[in-house]
């Protein structure tokens, strides 16, 4: 029996060693897979960070381009508005000048319309003809 126990102990020892070896291999594979998974996650994180940086740079470039284009458009609008303002001022001055001329013409026309009437009134009173009286009225000479 002692031989049997020694043989059994040898077999059990071999089985325990074999089981330990299997567990050790399994554990090392599990650790290796875990490490590979962690490395893969780290790589994914680095690539994601690079992509985010690239996207941020591209977004900044686009925003800068949009700002430049907006500034150009605003400048163009200001230039158009300035030209429009200058044209308006020129037209306003021309309109004012034409209005003054119209007032002068209207005053002259009113005065000229009044001359024959006034000459008709002045001529009998002064004993002059209407043509002579009209010349006096046009010349601004007072006639008595």
C-alpha atoms as a PDB file:
ATOM      1  CA  UNK A   1       0.000   0.000   0.000  1.00  0.00           C
ATOM      2  CA  UNK A   2       2.696   2.453   0.696  1.00  0.00           C
ATOM      3  CA  UNK A   3       3.756   1.984  -2.872  1.00  0.00           C
ATOM      4  CA  UNK A   4       0.335   2.678  -4.065  1.00  0.00           C
ATOM      5  CA  UNK A   5       0.158   5.827  -1.984  1.00  0.00           C
ATOM      6  CA  UNK A   6       3.543   6.938  -3.312  1.00  0.00           C
ATOM      7  CA  UNK A   7       2.384   6.298  -6.858  1.00  0.00           C
ATOM      8  CA  UNK A   8      -0.872   8.081  -6.198  1.00  0.00           C
ATOM      9  CA  UNK A   9       1.023  10.977  -4.635  1.00  0.00           C
ATOM     10  CA  UNK A  10       3.265  11.147  -7.698  1.00  0.00           C
ATOM     11  CA  UNK A  11       0.251  11.070 -10.011  1.00  0.00           C
ATOM     12  CA  UNK A  12      -1.619  13.664  -7.904  1.00  0.00           C
ATOM     13  CA  UNK A  13       1.496  15.842  -7.808  1.00  0.00           C
ATOM     14  CA  UNK A  14       1.789  15.565 -11.584  1.00  0.00           C
ATOM     15  CA  UNK A  15      -1.916  16.363 -11.981  1.00  0.00           C
ATOM     16  CA  UNK A  16      -1.659  19.348  -9.631  1.00  0.00           C
ATOM     17  CA  UNK A  17       1.431  20.549 -11.492  1.00  0.00           C
ATOM     18  CA  UNK A  18      -0.372  20.071 -14.793  1.00  0.00           C
ATOM     19  CA  UNK A  19      -3.442  21.939 -13.475  1.00  0.00           C
ATOM     20  CA  UNK A  20      -1.186  24.716 -12.155  1.00  0.00           C
ATOM     21  CA  UNK A  21       0.489  24.896 -15.551  1.00  0.00           C
ATOM     22  CA  UNK A  22      -2.890  25.084 -17.321  1.00  0.00           C
ATOM     23  CA  UNK A  23      -4.135  27.775 -14.910  1.00  0.00           C
ATOM     24  CA  UNK A  24      -0.855  29.659 -15.312  1.00  0.00           C
ATOM     25  CA  UNK A  25      -1.082  29.529 -19.112  1.00  0.00           C
ATOM     26  CA  UNK A  26      -4.754  30.559 -18.974  1.00  0.00           C
ATOM     27  CA  UNK A  27      -3.947  33.455 -16.589  1.00  0.00           C
ATOM     28  CA  UNK A  28      -1.008  34.626 -18.694  1.00  0.00           C
ATOM     29  CA  UNK A  29      -3.151  34.516 -21.845  1.00  0.00           C
ATOM     30  CA  UNK A  30      -5.863  36.432 -20.044  1.00  0.00           C
ATOM     31  CA  UNK A  31      -3.354  39.054 -18.889  1.00  0.00           C
ATOM     32  CA  UNK A  32      -1.910  39.210 -22.414  1.00  0.00           C
ATOM     33  CA  UNK A  33      -5.402  39.702 -23.905  1.00  0.00           C
ATOM     34  CA  UNK A  34      -6.163  42.319 -21.285  1.00  0.00           C
ATOM     35  CA  UNK A  35      -2.892  44.111 -22.101  1.00  0.00           C
ATOM     36  CA  UNK A  36      -3.622  43.895 -25.845  1.00  0.00           C
ATOM     37  CA  UNK A  37      -7.083  45.289 -25.183  1.00  0.00           C
ATOM     38  CA  UNK A  38      -5.620  48.137 -23.109  1.00  0.00           C
ATOM     39  CA  UNK A  39      -3.080  48.874 -25.856  1.00  0.00           C
ATOM     40  CA  UNK A  40      -5.858  48.846 -28.404  1.00  0.00           C
ATOM     41  CA  UNK A  41      -7.896  51.273 -26.274  1.00  0.00           C
ATOM     42  CA  UNK A  42      -4.860  53.531 -25.854  1.00  0.00           C
ATOM     43  CA  UNK A  43      -4.296  53.497 -29.613  1.00  0.00           C
ATOM     44  CA  UNK A  44      -7.960  54.279 -30.235  1.00  0.00           C
ATOM     45  CA  UNK A  45      -7.772  57.143 -27.703  1.00  0.00           C
ATOM     46  CA  UNK A  46      -4.648  58.575 -29.390  1.00  0.00           C
ATOM     47  CA  UNK A  47      -6.253  58.353 -32.823  1.00  0.00           C
ATOM     48  CA  UNK A  48      -9.435  59.963 -31.480  1.00  0.00           C
ATOM     49  CA  UNK A  49      -7.371  62.761 -29.911  1.00  0.00           C
ATOM     50  CA  UNK A  50      -5.535  63.293 -33.229  1.00  0.00           C
ATOM     51  CA  UNK A  51      -8.836  63.395 -35.087  1.00  0.00           C
ATOM     52  CA  UNK A  52     -10.287  65.869 -32.597  1.00  0.00           C
ATOM     53  CA  UNK A  53      -7.206  68.081 -32.952  1.00  0.00           C
ATOM     54  CA  UNK A  54      -7.446  67.888 -36.751  1.00  0.00           C
ATOM     55  CA  UNK A  55     -11.167  68.641 -36.631  1.00  0.00           C
ATOM     56  CA  UNK A  56     -10.535  71.570 -34.265  1.00  0.00           C
ATOM     57  CA  UNK A  57      -7.819  72.956 -36.573  1.00  0.00           C
ATOM     58  CA  UNK A  58     -10.052  72.593 -39.611  1.00  0.00           C
ATOM     59  CA  UNK A  59     -12.959  74.210 -37.754  1.00  0.00           C
ATOM     60  CA  UNK A  60     -10.695  77.090 -36.697  1.00  0.00           C
ATOM     61  CA  UNK A  61      -9.530  77.519 -40.302  1.00  0.00           C
ATOM     62  CA  UNK A  62     -13.110  77.498 -41.566  1.00  0.00           C
ATOM     63  CA  UNK A  63     -14.183  79.970 -38.915  1.00  0.00           C
ATOM     64  CA  UNK A  64     -11.256  82.227 -39.774  1.00  0.00           C
ATOM     65  CA  UNK A  65     -12.110  82.007 -43.477  1.00  0.00           C
ATOM     66  CA  UNK A  66     -15.760  82.770 -42.745  1.00  0.00           C
ATOM     67  CA  UNK A  67     -14.711  85.758 -40.612  1.00  0.00           C
ATOM     68  CA  UNK A  68     -12.442  87.042 -43.413  1.00  0.00           C
ATOM     69  CA  UNK A  69     -15.192  86.625 -45.987  1.00  0.00           C
ATOM     70  CA  UNK A  70     -17.658  88.343 -43.661  1.00  0.00           C
ATOM     71  CA  UNK A  71     -15.237  91.215 -43.129  1.00  0.00           C
ATOM     72  CA  UNK A  72     -14.765  91.525 -46.908  1.00  0.00           C
ATOM     73  CA  UNK A  73     -18.512  91.588 -47.423  1.00  0.00           C
ATOM     74  CA  UNK A  74     -18.980  94.162 -44.677  1.00  0.00           C
ATOM     75  CA  UNK A  75     -16.253  96.302 -46.246  1.00  0.00           C
ATOM     76  CA  UNK A  76     -17.903  95.979 -49.652  1.00  0.00           C
ATOM     77  CA  UNK A  77     -21.258  96.943 -48.153  1.00  0.00           C
ATOM     78  CA  UNK A  78     -19.663  99.935 -46.416  1.00  0.00           C
ATOM     79  CA  UNK A  79     -18.054 100.997 -49.701  1.00  0.00           C
ATOM     80  CA  UNK A  80     -21.382 100.714 -51.509  1.00  0.00           C
ATOM     81  CA  UNK A  81     -23.108 102.646 -48.730  1.00  0.00           C
ATOM     82  CA  UNK A  82     -20.407 105.346 -48.827  1.00  0.00           C
ATOM     83  CA  UNK A  83     -20.771 105.680 -52.604  1.00  0.00           C
ATOM     84  CA  UNK A  84     -24.522 105.771 -52.197  1.00  0.00           C
ATOM     85  CA  UNK A  85     -24.214 108.442 -49.507  1.00  0.00           C
ATOM     86  CA  UNK A  86     -21.917 110.529 -51.714  1.00  0.00           C
ATOM     87  CA  UNK A  87     -24.275 110.173 -54.679  1.00  0.00           C
ATOM     88  CA  UNK A  88     -27.185 111.105 -52.439  1.00  0.00           C
ATOM     89  CA  UNK A  89     -25.336 114.179 -51.175  1.00  0.00           C
ATOM     90  CA  UNK A  90     -24.517 115.237 -54.758  1.00  0.00           C
ATOM     91  CA  UNK A  91     -28.114 114.691 -55.815  1.00  0.00           C
ATOM     92  CA  UNK A  92     -29.351 116.504 -52.695  1.00  0.00           C
ATOM     93  CA  UNK A  93     -27.139 119.506 -53.516  1.00  0.00           C
ATOM     94  CA  UNK A  94     -28.336 119.436 -57.116  1.00  0.00           C
ATOM     95  CA  UNK A  95     -31.931 119.203 -55.913  1.00  0.00           C
ATOM     96  CA  UNK A  96     -31.391 122.133 -53.552  1.00  0.00           C
ATOM     97  CA  UNK A  97     -29.841 124.174 -56.366  1.00  0.00           C
ATOM     98  CA  UNK A  98     -32.704 123.325 -58.718  1.00  0.00           C
ATOM     99  CA  UNK A  99     -35.172 124.239 -55.970  1.00  0.00           C
ATOM    100  CA  UNK A 100     -33.470 127.631 -55.493  1.00  0.00           C
ATOM    101  CA  UNK A 101     -33.568 128.180 -59.249  1.00  0.00           C
ATOM    102  CA  UNK A 102     -37.236 127.218 -59.285  1.00  0.00           C
ATOM    103  CA  UNK A 103     -37.952 129.673 -56.484  1.00  0.00           C
ATOM    104  CA  UNK A 104     -36.132 132.399 -58.405  1.00  0.00           C
ATOM    105  CA  UNK A 105     -37.956 131.534 -61.621  1.00  0.00           C
ATOM    106  CA  UNK A 106     -41.270 131.439 -59.776  1.00  0.00           C
ATOM    107  CA  UNK A 107     -40.521 134.793 -58.176  1.00  0.00           C
ATOM    108  CA  UNK A 108     -39.579 136.263 -61.558  1.00  0.00           C
ATOM    109  CA  UNK A 109     -42.652 134.741 -63.181  1.00  0.00           C
ATOM    110  CA  UNK A 110     -44.824 136.107 -60.413  1.00  0.00           C
ATOM    111  CA  UNK A 111     -43.159 139.481 -60.722  1.00  0.00           C
ATOM    112  CA  UNK A 112     -43.389 139.359 -64.527  1.00  0.00           C
ATOM    113  CA  UNK A 113     -47.048 138.444 -64.241  1.00  0.00           C
ATOM    114  CA  UNK A 114     -47.561 141.374 -61.913  1.00  0.00           C
ATOM    115  CA  UNK A 115     -45.743 143.852 -64.197  1.00  0.00           C
ATOM    116  CA  UNK A 116     -48.504 144.172 -66.801  1.00  0.00           C
ATOM    117  CA  UNK A 117     -51.083 144.601 -64.061  1.00  0.00           C
ATOM    118  CA  UNK A 118     -48.952 147.135 -62.258  1.00  0.00           C
ATOM    119  CA  UNK A 119     -48.086 148.889 -65.509  1.00  0.00           C
ATOM    120  CA  UNK A 120     -51.782 149.075 -66.279  1.00  0.00           C
ATOM    121  CA  UNK A 121     -52.318 150.679 -62.875  1.00  0.00           C
ATOM    122  CA  UNK A 122     -49.297 153.002 -63.099  1.00  0.00           C
ATOM    123  CA  UNK A 123     -49.772 154.159 -66.714  1.00  0.00           C
ATOM    124  CA  UNK A 124     -53.001 156.147 -66.246  1.00  0.00           C
ATOM    125  CA  UNK A 125     -51.814 157.623 -62.970  1.00  0.00           C
ATOM    126  CA  UNK A 126     -48.525 158.939 -64.380  1.00  0.00           C
ATOM    127  CA  UNK A 127     -49.755 159.660 -67.834  1.00  0.00           C
ATOM    128  CA  UNK A 128     -47.255 157.284 -69.403  1.00  0.00           C
ATOM    129  CA  UNK A 129     -47.983 154.533 -71.872  1.00  0.00           C
ATOM    130  CA  UNK A 130     -48.186 150.979 -70.621  1.00  0.00           C
ATOM    131  CA  UNK A 131     -44.878 150.027 -72.287  1.00  0.00           C
ATOM    132  CA  UNK A 132     -43.026 152.856 -70.543  1.00  0.00           C
ATOM    133  CA  UNK A 133     -44.696 152.073 -67.235  1.00  0.00           C
ATOM    134  CA  UNK A 134     -43.805 148.387 -67.610  1.00  0.00           C
ATOM    135  CA  UNK A 135     -40.137 149.333 -68.132  1.00  0.00           C
ATOM    136  CA  UNK A 136     -40.219 151.389 -64.963  1.00  0.00           C
ATOM    137  CA  UNK A 137     -41.772 148.484 -63.014  1.00  0.00           C
ATOM    138  CA  UNK A 138     -39.275 145.954 -64.412  1.00  0.00           C
ATOM    139  CA  UNK A 139     -36.329 148.202 -63.659  1.00  0.00           C
ATOM    140  CA  UNK A 140     -37.486 148.439 -60.091  1.00  0.00           C
ATOM    141  CA  UNK A 141     -37.888 152.201 -60.341  1.00  0.00           C
ATOM    142  CA  UNK A 142     -40.564 153.545 -58.221  1.00  0.00           C
ATOM    143  CA  UNK A 143     -43.178 155.269 -60.227  1.00  0.00           C
ATOM    144  CA  UNK A 144     -45.463 157.879 -58.780  1.00  0.00           C
END
